[in-house]
Amino acid sequence: MSLQTEFPFVLPRGYVDDEGISHRDGVMRLATAYDEIAPMKDPRVQNNPAYLAIILLSRVIIRLGNVEHINPKVIENLFAADMAYLQDFYRRINEQGHTRLQVTCPHCSKDFEVETAPLGES
């Protein structure tokens, strides 16, 4: 069994580029220790700790539609719903190592896992 290091996602709204094209599908890789440490030296993070999420996501998102370079400016221009989705997605794949969710059946109260499909897919 090999370690999965890249995870596809579909944004709820999508990044809209300068030409008005929406980019919703992407791929995020697992973060390294350096990905989490390096942004701490960035003056934007030192001035505003909330900016850490912007820098971190720009490092680990390896594809977003046809956008050639994922940088902090791209992440800054995401809709709030997309930013929240990506922060949750980052947490799930890096803390849990997968995109499965633990759920409980409302009828029989049995616990089980379900694989989450990227938002917008079924």
PDB file of N, CA and C in Angstrom:
ATOM      1  N   MET A   1       0.850  -1.173   0.000  1.00  0.00           N
ATOM      2  CA  MET A   1       0.000   0.000   0.000  1.00  0.00           C
ATOM      3  C   MET A   1       0.900   1.242   0.000  1.00  0.00           C
ATOM      4  N   SER A   2       0.685   2.148  -0.934  1.00  0.00           N
ATOM      5  CA  SER A   2       1.510   3.353  -1.006  1.00  0.00           C
ATOM      6  C   SER A   2       0.802   4.524  -0.322  1.00  0.00           C
ATOM      7  N   LEU A   3       1.597   5.467   0.117  1.00  0.00           N
ATOM      8  CA  LEU A   3       1.081   6.647   0.792  1.00  0.00           C
ATOM      9  C   LEU A   3       0.516   7.622  -0.229  1.00  0.00           C
ATOM     10  N   GLN A   4      -0.717   8.020  -0.037  1.00  0.00           N
ATOM     11  CA  GLN A   4      -1.318   9.032  -0.911  1.00  0.00           C
ATOM     12  C   GLN A   4      -0.841  10.398  -0.449  1.00  0.00           C
ATOM     13  N   THR A   5      -0.222  11.167  -1.353  1.00  0.00           N
ATOM     14  CA  THR A   5       0.311  12.481  -0.992  1.00  0.00           C
ATOM     15  C   THR A   5      -0.388  13.626  -1.713  1.00  0.00           C
ATOM     16  N   GLU A   6      -1.235  13.316  -2.682  1.00  0.00           N
ATOM     17  CA  GLU A   6      -1.972  14.340  -3.420  1.00  0.00           C
ATOM     18  C   GLU A   6      -3.452  14.007  -3.392  1.00  0.00           C
ATOM     19  N   PHE A   7      -4.268  15.061  -3.172  1.00  0.00           N
ATOM     20  CA  PHE A   7      -5.703  14.870  -3.003  1.00  0.00           C
ATOM     21  C   PHE A   7      -6.471  15.866  -3.879  1.00  0.00           C
ATOM     22  N   PRO A   8      -7.364  15.371  -4.736  1.00  0.00           N
ATOM     23  CA  PRO A   8      -8.162  16.282  -5.582  1.00  0.00           C
ATOM     24  C   PRO A   8      -9.275  16.947  -4.777  1.00  0.00           C
ATOM     25  N   PHE A   9      -9.656  18.123  -5.214  1.00  0.00           N
ATOM     26  CA  PHE A   9     -10.769  18.841  -4.594  1.00  0.00           C
ATOM     27  C   PHE A   9     -11.505  19.647  -5.656  1.00  0.00           C
ATOM     28  N   VAL A  10     -12.729  20.043  -5.321  1.00  0.00           N
ATOM     29  CA  VAL A  10     -13.536  20.927  -6.161  1.00  0.00           C
ATOM     30  C   VAL A  10     -14.068  22.037  -5.253  1.00  0.00           C
ATOM     31  N   LEU A  11     -13.713  23.281  -5.573  1.00  0.00           N
ATOM     32  CA  LEU A  11     -14.136  24.415  -4.755  1.00  0.00           C
ATOM     33  C   LEU A  11     -15.634  24.671  -4.885  1.00  0.00           C
ATOM     34  N   PRO A  12     -16.269  25.138  -3.826  1.00  0.00           N
ATOM     35  CA  PRO A  12     -17.701  25.441  -3.898  1.00  0.00           C
ATOM     36  C   PRO A  12     -18.017  26.564  -4.885  1.00  0.00           C
ATOM     37  N   ARG A  13     -17.192  27.600  -4.940  1.00  0.00           N
ATOM     38  CA  ARG A  13     -17.441  28.734  -5.830  1.00  0.00           C
ATOM     39  C   ARG A  13     -16.446  28.777  -6.983  1.00  0.00           C
ATOM     40  N   GLY A  14     -15.172  28.731  -6.668  1.00  0.00           N
ATOM     41  CA  GLY A  14     -14.124  28.752  -7.679  1.00  0.00           C
ATOM     42  C   GLY A  14     -13.373  30.069  -7.715  1.00  0.00           C
ATOM     43  N   TYR A  15     -12.105  29.968  -8.017  1.00  0.00           N
ATOM     44  CA  TYR A  15     -11.257  31.144  -8.189  1.00  0.00           C
ATOM     45  C   TYR A  15     -11.569  31.757  -9.548  1.00  0.00           C
ATOM     46  N   VAL A  16     -11.861  33.048  -9.577  1.00  0.00           N
ATOM     47  CA  VAL A  16     -12.156  33.743 -10.834  1.00  0.00           C
ATOM     48  C   VAL A  16     -10.925  34.563 -11.206  1.00  0.00           C
ATOM     49  N   ASP A  17     -10.335  34.230 -12.358  1.00  0.00           N
ATOM     50  CA  ASP A  17      -9.116  34.920 -12.779  1.00  0.00           C
ATOM     51  C   ASP A  17      -9.434  36.264 -13.430  1.00  0.00           C
ATOM     52  N   ASP A  18      -8.391  36.958 -13.899  1.00  0.00           N
ATOM     53  CA  ASP A  18      -8.544  38.292 -14.486  1.00  0.00           C
ATOM     54  C   ASP A  18      -9.418  38.313 -15.740  1.00  0.00           C
ATOM     55  N   GLU A  19      -9.530  37.177 -16.419  1.00  0.00           N
ATOM     56  CA  GLU A  19     -10.379  37.092 -17.611  1.00  0.00           C
ATOM     57  C   GLU A  19     -11.808  36.659 -17.293  1.00  0.00           C
ATOM     58  N   GLY A  20     -12.099  36.463 -16.010  1.00  0.00           N
ATOM     59  CA  GLY A  20     -13.440  36.065 -15.610  1.00  0.00           C
ATOM     60  C   GLY A  20     -13.692  34.572 -15.662  1.00  0.00           C
ATOM     61  N   ILE A  21     -12.647  33.786 -15.857  1.00  0.00           N
ATOM     62  CA  ILE A  21     -12.779  32.328 -15.924  1.00  0.00           C
ATOM     63  C   ILE A  21     -12.723  31.766 -14.508  1.00  0.00           C
ATOM     64  N   SER A  22     -13.674  30.885 -14.194  1.00  0.00           N
ATOM     65  CA  SER A  22     -13.725  30.257 -12.876  1.00  0.00           C
ATOM     66  C   SER A  22     -12.948  28.945 -12.896  1.00  0.00           C
ATOM     67  N   HIS A  23     -12.119  28.761 -11.889  1.00  0.00           N
ATOM     68  CA  HIS A  23     -11.312  27.545 -11.744  1.00  0.00           C
ATOM     69  C   HIS A  23     -11.723  26.879 -10.441  1.00  0.00           C
ATOM     70  N   ARG A  24     -12.337  25.695 -10.533  1.00  0.00           N
ATOM     71  CA  ARG A  24     -12.869  25.030  -9.343  1.00  0.00           C
ATOM     72  C   ARG A  24     -12.111  23.775  -8.949  1.00  0.00           C
ATOM     73  N   ASP A  25     -11.603  23.017  -9.927  1.00  0.00           N
ATOM     74  CA  ASP A  25     -10.962  21.753  -9.585  1.00  0.00           C
ATOM     75  C   ASP A  25      -9.478  21.950  -9.351  1.00  0.00           C
ATOM     76  N   GLY A  26      -8.965  21.250  -8.346  1.00  0.00           N
ATOM     77  CA  GLY A  26      -7.559  21.384  -8.015  1.00  0.00           C
ATOM     78  C   GLY A  26      -7.022  20.170  -7.303  1.00  0.00           C
ATOM     79  N   VAL A  27      -5.757  20.285  -6.927  1.00  0.00           N
ATOM     80  CA  VAL A  27      -5.070  19.217  -6.205  1.00  0.00           C
ATOM     81  C   VAL A  27      -4.246  19.857  -5.094  1.00  0.00           C
ATOM     82  N   MET A  28      -4.346  19.267  -3.909  1.00  0.00           N
ATOM     83  CA  MET A  28      -3.547  19.710  -2.772  1.00  0.00           C
ATOM     84  C   MET A  28      -2.650  18.548  -2.359  1.00  0.00           C
ATOM     85  N   ARG A  29      -1.404  18.872  -2.060  1.00  0.00           N
ATOM     86  CA  ARG A  29      -0.481  17.843  -1.582  1.00  0.00           C
ATOM     87  C   ARG A  29      -0.384  17.920  -0.063  1.00  0.00           C
ATOM     88  N   LEU A  30       0.103  16.835   0.526  1.00  0.00           N
ATOM     89  CA  LEU A  30       0.359  16.854   1.965  1.00  0.00           C
ATOM     90  C   LEU A  30       1.406  17.905   2.276  1.00  0.00           C
ATOM     91  N   ALA A  31       1.276  18.555   3.402  1.00  0.00           N
ATOM     92  CA  ALA A  31       2.237  19.569   3.830  1.00  0.00           C
ATOM     93  C   ALA A  31       3.447  18.899   4.478  1.00  0.00           C
ATOM     94  N   THR A  32       4.589  19.548   4.324  1.00  0.00           N
ATOM     95  CA  THR A  32       5.793  19.114   5.019  1.00  0.00           C
ATOM     96  C   THR A  32       5.966  19.995   6.263  1.00  0.00           C
ATOM     97  N   ALA A  33       6.881  19.603   7.127  1.00  0.00           N
ATOM     98  CA  ALA A  33       7.179  20.433   8.296  1.00  0.00           C
ATOM     99  C   ALA A  33       7.664  21.805   7.833  1.00  0.00           C
ATOM    100  N   TYR A  34       8.465  21.828   6.778  1.00  0.00           N
ATOM    101  CA  TYR A  34       8.980  23.108   6.281  1.00  0.00           C
ATOM    102  C   TYR A  34       7.854  24.002   5.764  1.00  0.00           C
ATOM    103  N   ASP A  35       6.832  23.404   5.143  1.00  0.00           N
ATOM    104  CA  ASP A  35       5.688  24.196   4.679  1.00  0.00           C
ATOM    105  C   ASP A  35       5.042  24.954   5.834  1.00  0.00           C
ATOM    106  N   GLU A  36       5.022  24.356   6.997  1.00  0.00           N
ATOM    107  CA  GLU A  36       4.382  24.994   8.149  1.00  0.00           C
ATOM    108  C   GLU A  36       5.318  25.942   8.894  1.00  0.00           C
ATOM    109  N   ILE A  37       6.625  25.708   8.804  1.00  0.00           N
ATOM    110  CA  ILE A  37       7.591  26.545   9.507  1.00  0.00           C
ATOM    111  C   ILE A  37       8.005  27.765   8.697  1.00  0.00           C
ATOM    112  N   ALA A  38       8.270  27.593   7.415  1.00  0.00           N
ATOM    113  CA  ALA A  38       8.801  28.672   6.567  1.00  0.00           C
ATOM    114  C   ALA A  38       7.951  29.946   6.579  1.00  0.00           C
ATOM    115  N   PRO A  39       6.621  29.858   6.518  1.00  0.00           N
ATOM    116  CA  PRO A  39       5.826  31.093   6.494  1.00  0.00           C
ATOM    117  C   PRO A  39       5.960  31.946   7.756  1.00  0.00           C
ATOM    118  N   MET A  40       6.423  31.351   8.850  1.00  0.00           N
ATOM    119  CA  MET A  40       6.544  32.102  10.099  1.00  0.00           C
ATOM    120  C   MET A  40       7.563  33.239   9.986  1.00  0.00           C
ATOM    121  N   LYS A  41       8.495  33.133   9.021  1.00  0.00           N
ATOM    122  CA  LYS A  41       9.496  34.182   8.802  1.00  0.00           C
ATOM    123  C   LYS A  41       8.976  35.294   7.899  1.00  0.00           C
ATOM    124  N   ASP A  42       7.858  35.061   7.247  1.00  0.00           N
ATOM    125  CA  ASP A  42       7.294  36.035   6.313  1.00  0.00           C
ATOM    126  C   ASP A  42       6.758  37.240   7.083  1.00  0.00           C
ATOM    127  N   PRO A  43       7.152  38.462   6.692  1.00  0.00           N
ATOM    128  CA  PRO A  43       6.680  39.658   7.398  1.00  0.00           C
ATOM    129  C   PRO A  43       5.160  39.805   7.402  1.00  0.00           C
ATOM    130  N   ARG A  44       4.482  39.297   6.364  1.00  0.00           N
ATOM    131  CA  ARG A  44       3.024  39.386   6.324  1.00  0.00           C
ATOM    132  C   ARG A  44       2.406  38.558   7.434  1.00  0.00           C
ATOM    133  N   VAL A  45       3.017  37.418   7.738  1.00  0.00           N
ATOM    134  CA  VAL A  45       2.527  36.559   8.818  1.00  0.00           C
ATOM    135  C   VAL A  45       2.884  37.183  10.165  1.00  0.00           C
ATOM    136  N   GLN A  46       4.067  37.759  10.260  1.00  0.00           N
ATOM    137  CA  GLN A  46       4.489  38.384  11.516  1.00  0.00           C
ATOM    138  C   GLN A  46       3.592  39.577  11.851  1.00  0.00           C
ATOM    139  N   ASN A  47       3.148  40.315  10.838  1.00  0.00           N
ATOM    140  CA  ASN A  47       2.263  41.461  11.053  1.00  0.00           C
ATOM    141  C   ASN A  47       0.816  41.049  11.270  1.00  0.00           C
ATOM    142  N   ASN A  48       0.427  39.922  10.692  1.00  0.00           N
ATOM    143  CA  ASN A  48      -0.954  39.453  10.789  1.00  0.00           C
ATOM    144  C   ASN A  48      -0.944  37.922  10.773  1.00  0.00           C
ATOM    145  N   PRO A  49      -0.992  37.271  11.938  1.00  0.00           N
ATOM    146  CA  PRO A  49      -0.922  35.813  12.002  1.00  0.00           C
ATOM    147  C   PRO A  49      -1.978  35.096  11.157  1.00  0.00           C
ATOM    148  N   ALA A  50      -3.100  35.736  10.879  1.00  0.00           N
ATOM    149  CA  ALA A  50      -4.135  35.110  10.044  1.00  0.00           C
ATOM    150  C   ALA A  50      -3.639  34.882   8.618  1.00  0.00           C
ATOM    151  N   TYR A  51      -2.605  35.615   8.215  1.00  0.00           N
ATOM    152  CA  TYR A  51      -2.065  35.473   6.866  1.00  0.00           C
ATOM    153  C   TYR A  51      -1.340  34.137   6.668  1.00  0.00           C
ATOM    154  N   LEU A  52      -1.059  33.452   7.766  1.00  0.00           N
ATOM    155  CA  LEU A  52      -0.408  32.142   7.691  1.00  0.00           C
ATOM    156  C   LEU A  52      -1.178  31.197   6.776  1.00  0.00           C
ATOM    157  N   ALA A  53      -2.496  31.178   6.885  1.00  0.00           N
ATOM    158  CA  ALA A  53      -3.313  30.278   6.057  1.00  0.00           C
ATOM    159  C   ALA A  53      -3.139  30.579   4.577  1.00  0.00           C
ATOM    160  N   ILE A  54      -3.019  31.848   4.223  1.00  0.00           N
ATOM    161  CA  ILE A  54      -2.835  32.247   2.816  1.00  0.00           C
ATOM    162  C   ILE A  54      -1.525  31.673   2.282  1.00  0.00           C
ATOM    163  N   ILE A  55      -0.447  31.902   3.016  1.00  0.00           N
ATOM    164  CA  ILE A  55       0.875  31.428   2.584  1.00  0.00           C
ATOM    165  C   ILE A  55       0.901  29.907   2.533  1.00  0.00           C
ATOM    166  N   LEU A  56       0.378  29.285   3.559  1.00  0.00           N
ATOM    167  CA  LEU A  56       0.405  27.822   3.635  1.00  0.00           C
ATOM    168  C   LEU A  56      -0.353  27.184   2.472  1.00  0.00           C
ATOM    169  N   LEU A  57      -1.560  27.675   2.208  1.00  0.00           N
ATOM    170  CA  LEU A  57      -2.326  27.106   1.094  1.00  0.00           C
ATOM    171  C   LEU A  57      -1.640  27.344  -0.247  1.00  0.00           C
ATOM    172  N   SER A  58      -0.995  28.490  -0.409  1.00  0.00           N
ATOM    173  CA  SER A  58      -0.308  28.753  -1.682  1.00  0.00           C
ATOM    174  C   SER A  58       0.878  27.810  -1.882  1.00  0.00           C
ATOM    175  N   ARG A  59       1.398  27.247  -0.816  1.00  0.00           N
ATOM    176  CA  ARG A  59       2.515  26.300  -0.906  1.00  0.00           C
ATOM    177  C   ARG A  59       2.042  24.886  -1.239  1.00  0.00           C
ATOM    178  N   VAL A  60       0.865  24.479  -0.723  1.00  0.00           N
ATOM    179  CA  VAL A  60       0.453  23.075  -0.851  1.00  0.00           C
ATOM    180  C   VAL A  60      -0.550  22.809  -1.971  1.00  0.00           C
ATOM    181  N   ILE A  61      -1.170  23.848  -2.511  1.00  0.00           N
ATOM    182  CA  ILE A  61      -2.058  23.637  -3.657  1.00  0.00           C
ATOM    183  C   ILE A  61      -1.182  23.575  -4.901  1.00  0.00           C
ATOM    184  N   ILE A  62      -1.176  22.434  -5.548  1.00  0.00           N
ATOM    185  CA  ILE A  62      -0.284  22.258  -6.696  1.00  0.00           C
ATOM    186  C   ILE A  62      -0.996  22.444  -8.030  1.00  0.00           C
ATOM    187  N   ARG A  63      -2.322  22.462  -7.996  1.00  0.00           N
ATOM    188  CA  ARG A  63      -3.065  22.730  -9.224  1.00  0.00           C
ATOM    189  C   ARG A  63      -4.396  23.343  -8.861  1.00  0.00           C
ATOM    190  N   LEU A  64      -4.821  24.331  -9.634  1.00  0.00           N
ATOM    191  CA  LEU A  64      -6.139  24.951  -9.497  1.00  0.00           C
ATOM    192  C   LEU A  64      -6.603  25.335 -10.882  1.00  0.00           C
ATOM    193  N   GLY A  65      -7.426  24.464 -11.467  1.00  0.00           N
ATOM    194  CA  GLY A  65      -7.875  24.700 -12.839  1.00  0.00           C
ATOM    195  C   GLY A  65      -6.690  24.872 -13.764  1.00  0.00           C
ATOM    196  N   ASN A  66      -6.728  25.929 -14.574  1.00  0.00           N
ATOM    197  CA  ASN A  66      -5.646  26.212 -15.517  1.00  0.00           C
ATOM    198  C   ASN A  66      -4.706  27.307 -15.025  1.00  0.00           C
ATOM    199  N   VAL A  67      -4.795  27.671 -13.759  1.00  0.00           N
ATOM    200  CA  VAL A  67      -3.928  28.706 -13.206  1.00  0.00           C
ATOM    201  C   VAL A  67      -2.502  28.170 -13.189  1.00  0.00           C
ATOM    202  N   GLU A  68      -1.585  28.927 -13.798  1.00  0.00           N
ATOM    203  CA  GLU A  68      -0.219  28.440 -13.931  1.00  0.00           C
ATOM    204  C   GLU A  68       0.588  28.504 -12.646  1.00  0.00           C
ATOM    205  N   HIS A  69       0.434  29.556 -11.863  1.00  0.00           N
ATOM    206  CA  HIS A  69       1.216  29.715 -10.635  1.00  0.00           C
ATOM    207  C   HIS A  69       0.281  30.001  -9.472  1.00  0.00           C
ATOM    208  N   ILE A  70       0.271  29.091  -8.522  1.00  0.00           N
ATOM    209  CA  ILE A  70      -0.523  29.306  -7.316  1.00  0.00           C
ATOM    210  C   ILE A  70       0.369  30.087  -6.353  1.00  0.00           C
ATOM    211  N   ASN A  71      -0.009  31.309  -6.056  1.00  0.00           N
ATOM    212  CA  ASN A  71       0.762  32.152  -5.160  1.00  0.00           C
ATOM    213  C   ASN A  71      -0.199  32.798  -4.159  1.00  0.00           C
ATOM    214  N   PRO A  72       0.332  33.508  -3.168  1.00  0.00           N
ATOM    215  CA  PRO A  72      -0.565  34.106  -2.168  1.00  0.00           C
ATOM    216  C   PRO A  72      -1.634  35.016  -2.769  1.00  0.00           C
ATOM    217  N   LYS A  73      -1.339  35.716  -3.854  1.00  0.00           N
ATOM    218  CA  LYS A  73      -2.328  36.603  -4.478  1.00  0.00           C
ATOM    219  C   LYS A  73      -3.546  35.809  -4.960  1.00  0.00           C
ATOM    220  N   VAL A  74      -3.320  34.634  -5.520  1.00  0.00           N
ATOM    221  CA  VAL A  74      -4.431  33.773  -5.959  1.00  0.00           C
ATOM    222  C   VAL A  74      -5.285  33.397  -4.753  1.00  0.00           C
ATOM    223  N   ILE A  75      -4.652  32.965  -3.677  1.00  0.00           N
ATOM    224  CA  ILE A  75      -5.389  32.544  -2.480  1.00  0.00           C
ATOM    225  C   ILE A  75      -6.131  33.732  -1.861  1.00  0.00           C
ATOM    226  N   GLU A  76      -5.518  34.908  -1.871  1.00  0.00           N
ATOM    227  CA  GLU A  76      -6.169  36.122  -1.341  1.00  0.00           C
ATOM    228  C   GLU A  76      -7.475  36.424  -2.064  1.00  0.00           C
ATOM    229  N   ASN A  77      -7.555  36.060  -3.333  1.00  0.00           N
ATOM    230  CA  ASN A  77      -8.719  36.396  -4.150  1.00  0.00           C
ATOM    231  C   ASN A  77      -9.784  35.300  -4.185  1.00  0.00           C
ATOM    232  N   LEU A  78      -9.647  34.290  -3.349  1.00  0.00           N
ATOM    233  CA  LEU A  78     -10.689  33.264  -3.257  1.00  0.00           C
ATOM    234  C   LEU A  78     -11.888  33.822  -2.501  1.00  0.00           C
ATOM    235  N   PHE A  79     -13.051  33.310  -2.812  1.00  0.00           N
ATOM    236  CA  PHE A  79     -14.240  33.639  -2.041  1.00  0.00           C
ATOM    237  C   PHE A  79     -14.107  33.022  -0.648  1.00  0.00           C
ATOM    238  N   ALA A  80     -14.754  33.613   0.337  1.00  0.00           N
ATOM    239  CA  ALA A  80     -14.660  33.138   1.715  1.00  0.00           C
ATOM    240  C   ALA A  80     -15.064  31.668   1.842  1.00  0.00           C
ATOM    241  N   ALA A  81     -16.088  31.244   1.110  1.00  0.00           N
ATOM    242  CA  ALA A  81     -16.531  29.847   1.172  1.00  0.00           C
ATOM    243  C   ALA A  81     -15.437  28.908   0.678  1.00  0.00           C
ATOM    244  N   ASP A  82     -14.711  29.319  -0.356  1.00  0.00           N
ATOM    245  CA  ASP A  82     -13.616  28.497  -0.882  1.00  0.00           C
ATOM    246  C   ASP A  82     -12.460  28.435   0.106  1.00  0.00           C
ATOM    247  N   MET A  83     -12.164  29.555   0.730  1.00  0.00           N
ATOM    248  CA  MET A  83     -11.086  29.599   1.719  1.00  0.00           C
ATOM    249  C   MET A  83     -11.414  28.683   2.888  1.00  0.00           C
ATOM    250  N   ALA A  84     -12.632  28.741   3.381  1.00  0.00           N
ATOM    251  CA  ALA A  84     -13.046  27.877   4.493  1.00  0.00           C
ATOM    252  C   ALA A  84     -12.973  26.408   4.086  1.00  0.00           C
ATOM    253  N   TYR A  85     -13.415  26.109   2.871  1.00  0.00           N
ATOM    254  CA  TYR A  85     -13.374  24.732   2.367  1.00  0.00           C
ATOM    255  C   TYR A  85     -11.931  24.232   2.331  1.00  0.00           C
ATOM    256  N   LEU A  86     -11.014  25.047   1.795  1.00  0.00           N
ATOM    257  CA  LEU A  86      -9.615  24.631   1.667  1.00  0.00           C
ATOM    258  C   LEU A  86      -8.939  24.466   3.027  1.00  0.00           C
ATOM    259  N   GLN A  87      -9.268  25.312   3.978  1.00  0.00           N
ATOM    260  CA  GLN A  87      -8.688  25.177   5.312  1.00  0.00           C
ATOM    261  C   GLN A  87      -9.152  23.868   5.967  1.00  0.00           C
ATOM    262  N   ASP A  88     -10.417  23.537   5.810  1.00  0.00           N
ATOM    263  CA  ASP A  88     -10.930  22.282   6.344  1.00  0.00           C
ATOM    264  C   ASP A  88     -10.307  21.090   5.623  1.00  0.00           C
ATOM    265  N   PHE A  89     -10.198  21.183   4.300  1.00  0.00           N
ATOM    266  CA  PHE A  89      -9.607  20.111   3.493  1.00  0.00           C
ATOM    267  C   PHE A  89      -8.153  19.893   3.917  1.00  0.00           C
ATOM    268  N   TYR A  90      -7.396  20.984   4.081  1.00  0.00           N
ATOM    269  CA  TYR A  90      -6.001  20.908   4.522  1.00  0.00           C
ATOM    270  C   TYR A  90      -5.907  20.168   5.859  1.00  0.00           C
ATOM    271  N   ARG A  91      -6.757  20.566   6.793  1.00  0.00           N
ATOM    272  CA  ARG A  91      -6.744  19.945   8.113  1.00  0.00           C
ATOM    273  C   ARG A  91      -7.032  18.449   8.027  1.00  0.00           C
ATOM    274  N   ARG A  92      -8.042  18.085   7.239  1.00  0.00           N
ATOM    275  CA  ARG A  92      -8.407  16.665   7.144  1.00  0.00           C
ATOM    276  C   ARG A  92      -7.287  15.823   6.552  1.00  0.00           C
ATOM    277  N   ILE A  93      -6.687  16.272   5.443  1.00  0.00           N
ATOM    278  CA  ILE A  93      -5.668  15.417   4.816  1.00  0.00           C
ATOM    279  C   ILE A  93      -4.365  15.403   5.601  1.00  0.00           C
ATOM    280  N   ASN A  94      -4.041  16.485   6.295  1.00  0.00           N
ATOM    281  CA  ASN A  94      -2.774  16.536   7.019  1.00  0.00           C
ATOM    282  C   ASN A  94      -2.864  15.979   8.430  1.00  0.00           C
ATOM    283  N   GLU A  95      -3.982  16.122   9.089  1.00  0.00           N
ATOM    284  CA  GLU A  95      -4.126  15.577  10.433  1.00  0.00           C
ATOM    285  C   GLU A  95      -4.598  14.134  10.416  1.00  0.00           C
ATOM    286  N   GLN A  96      -5.453  13.801   9.456  1.00  0.00           N
ATOM    287  CA  GLN A  96      -6.026  12.466   9.420  1.00  0.00           C
ATOM    288  C   GLN A  96      -5.454  11.603   8.310  1.00  0.00           C
ATOM    289  N   GLY A  97      -4.804  12.215   7.309  1.00  0.00           N
ATOM    290  CA  GLY A  97      -4.174  11.464   6.232  1.00  0.00           C
ATOM    291  C   GLY A  97      -5.115  10.945   5.165  1.00  0.00           C
ATOM    292  N   HIS A  98      -6.365  11.414   5.197  1.00  0.00           N
ATOM    293  CA  HIS A  98      -7.346  10.955   4.215  1.00  0.00           C
ATOM    294  C   HIS A  98      -8.494  11.955   4.162  1.00  0.00           C
ATOM    295  N   THR A  99      -9.438  11.697   3.263  1.00  0.00           N
ATOM    296  CA  THR A  99     -10.599  12.578   3.142  1.00  0.00           C
ATOM    297  C   THR A  99     -11.876  11.880   3.614  1.00  0.00           C
ATOM    298  N   ARG A 100     -11.720  10.819   4.426  1.00  0.00           N
ATOM    299  CA  ARG A 100     -12.890  10.120   4.965  1.00  0.00           C
ATOM    300  C   ARG A 100     -13.393  10.833   6.215  1.00  0.00           C
ATOM    301  N   LEU A 101     -14.674  10.721   6.442  1.00  0.00           N
ATOM    302  CA  LEU A 101     -15.296  11.294   7.628  1.00  0.00           C
ATOM    303  C   LEU A 101     -15.909  10.188   8.466  1.00  0.00           C
ATOM    304  N   GLN A 102     -15.808  10.308   9.767  1.00  0.00           N
ATOM    305  CA  GLN A 102     -16.469   9.392  10.694  1.00  0.00           C
ATOM    306  C   GLN A 102     -17.891   9.898  10.889  1.00  0.00           C
ATOM    307  N   VAL A 103     -18.880   9.059  10.626  1.00  0.00           N
ATOM    308  CA  VAL A 103     -20.282   9.454  10.759  1.00  0.00           C
ATOM    309  C   VAL A 103     -21.046   8.398  11.570  1.00  0.00           C
ATOM    310  N   THR A 104     -22.212   8.792  12.016  1.00  0.00           N
ATOM    311  CA  THR A 104     -23.084   7.887  12.768  1.00  0.00           C
ATOM    312  C   THR A 104     -24.434   7.824  12.071  1.00  0.00           C
ATOM    313  N   CYS A 105     -24.921   6.612  11.859  1.00  0.00           N
ATOM    314  CA  CYS A 105     -26.223   6.425  11.235  1.00  0.00           C
ATOM    315  C   CYS A 105     -27.299   6.963  12.181  1.00  0.00           C
ATOM    316  N   PRO A 106     -28.174   7.842  11.683  1.00  0.00           N
ATOM    317  CA  PRO A 106     -29.217   8.394  12.550  1.00  0.00           C
ATOM    318  C   PRO A 106     -30.291   7.370  12.928  1.00  0.00           C
ATOM    319  N   HIS A 107     -30.358   6.261  12.202  1.00  0.00           N
ATOM    320  CA  HIS A 107     -31.396   5.258  12.467  1.00  0.00           C
ATOM    321  C   HIS A 107     -30.940   4.171  13.435  1.00  0.00           C
ATOM    322  N   CYS A 108     -29.718   3.639  13.196  1.00  0.00           N
ATOM    323  CA  CYS A 108     -29.257   2.528  14.029  1.00  0.00           C
ATOM    324  C   CYS A 108     -28.130   2.915  14.980  1.00  0.00           C
ATOM    325  N   SER A 109     -27.628   4.142  14.868  1.00  0.00           N
ATOM    326  CA  SER A 109     -26.551   4.669  15.714  1.00  0.00           C
ATOM    327  C   SER A 109     -25.213   3.973  15.512  1.00  0.00           C
ATOM    328  N   LYS A 110     -25.070   3.239  14.403  1.00  0.00           N
ATOM    329  CA  LYS A 110     -23.793   2.584  14.104  1.00  0.00           C
ATOM    330  C   LYS A 110     -22.827   3.619  13.516  1.00  0.00           C
ATOM    331  N   ASP A 111     -21.552   3.590  13.973  1.00  0.00           N
ATOM    332  CA  ASP A 111     -20.513   4.469  13.450  1.00  0.00           C
ATOM    333  C   ASP A 111     -19.847   3.811  12.246  1.00  0.00           C
ATOM    334  N   PHE A 112     -19.539   4.620  11.235  1.00  0.00           N
ATOM    335  CA  PHE A 112     -18.811   4.133  10.061  1.00  0.00           C
ATOM    336  C   PHE A 112     -18.157   5.312   9.364  1.00  0.00           C
ATOM    337  N   GLU A 113     -17.269   5.013   8.412  1.00  0.00           N
ATOM    338  CA  GLU A 113     -16.578   6.053   7.657  1.00  0.00           C
ATOM    339  C   GLU A 113     -17.154   6.142   6.256  1.00  0.00           C
ATOM    340  N   VAL A 114     -17.183   7.367   5.738  1.00  0.00           N
ATOM    341  CA  VAL A 114     -17.562   7.579   4.347  1.00  0.00           C
ATOM    342  C   VAL A 114     -16.458   8.382   3.679  1.00  0.00           C
ATOM    343  N   GLU A 115     -16.183   8.058   2.442  1.00  0.00           N
ATOM    344  CA  GLU A 115     -15.215   8.807   1.645  1.00  0.00           C
ATOM    345  C   GLU A 115     -15.931  10.035   1.113  1.00  0.00           C
ATOM    346  N   THR A 116     -15.378  11.190   1.360  1.00  0.00           N
ATOM    347  CA  THR A 116     -16.010  12.414   0.874  1.00  0.00           C
ATOM    348  C   THR A 116     -15.632  12.621  -0.578  1.00  0.00           C
ATOM    349  N   ALA A 117     -16.628  12.872  -1.393  1.00  0.00           N
ATOM    350  CA  ALA A 117     -16.382  13.246  -2.786  1.00  0.00           C
ATOM    351  C   ALA A 117     -16.070  14.724  -2.803  1.00  0.00           C
ATOM    352  N   PRO A 118     -15.202  15.179  -3.718  1.00  0.00           N
ATOM    353  CA  PRO A 118     -14.981  16.615  -3.808  1.00  0.00           C
ATOM    354  C   PRO A 118     -16.301  17.343  -3.965  1.00  0.00           C
ATOM    355  N   LEU A 119     -16.422  18.494  -3.305  1.00  0.00           N
ATOM    356  CA  LEU A 119     -17.645  19.274  -3.348  1.00  0.00           C
ATOM    357  C   LEU A 119     -18.062  19.513  -4.791  1.00  0.00           C
ATOM    358  N   GLY A 120     -19.314  19.320  -5.082  1.00  0.00           N
ATOM    359  CA  GLY A 120     -19.799  19.523  -6.437  1.00  0.00           C
ATOM    360  C   GLY A 120     -19.851  18.225  -7.227  1.00  0.00           C
ATOM    361  N   GLU A 121     -19.286  17.150  -6.686  1.00  0.00           N
ATOM    362  CA  GLU A 121     -19.334  15.849  -7.347  1.00  0.00           C
ATOM    363  C   GLU A 121     -20.178  14.907  -6.514  1.00  0.00           C
ATOM    364  N   SER A 122     -20.603  13.825  -7.124  1.00  0.00           N
ATOM    365  CA  SER A 122     -21.349  12.826  -6.349  1.00  0.00           C
ATOM    366  C   SER A 122     -20.806  11.460  -6.613  1.00  0.00           C
TER     367      SER A 122
END
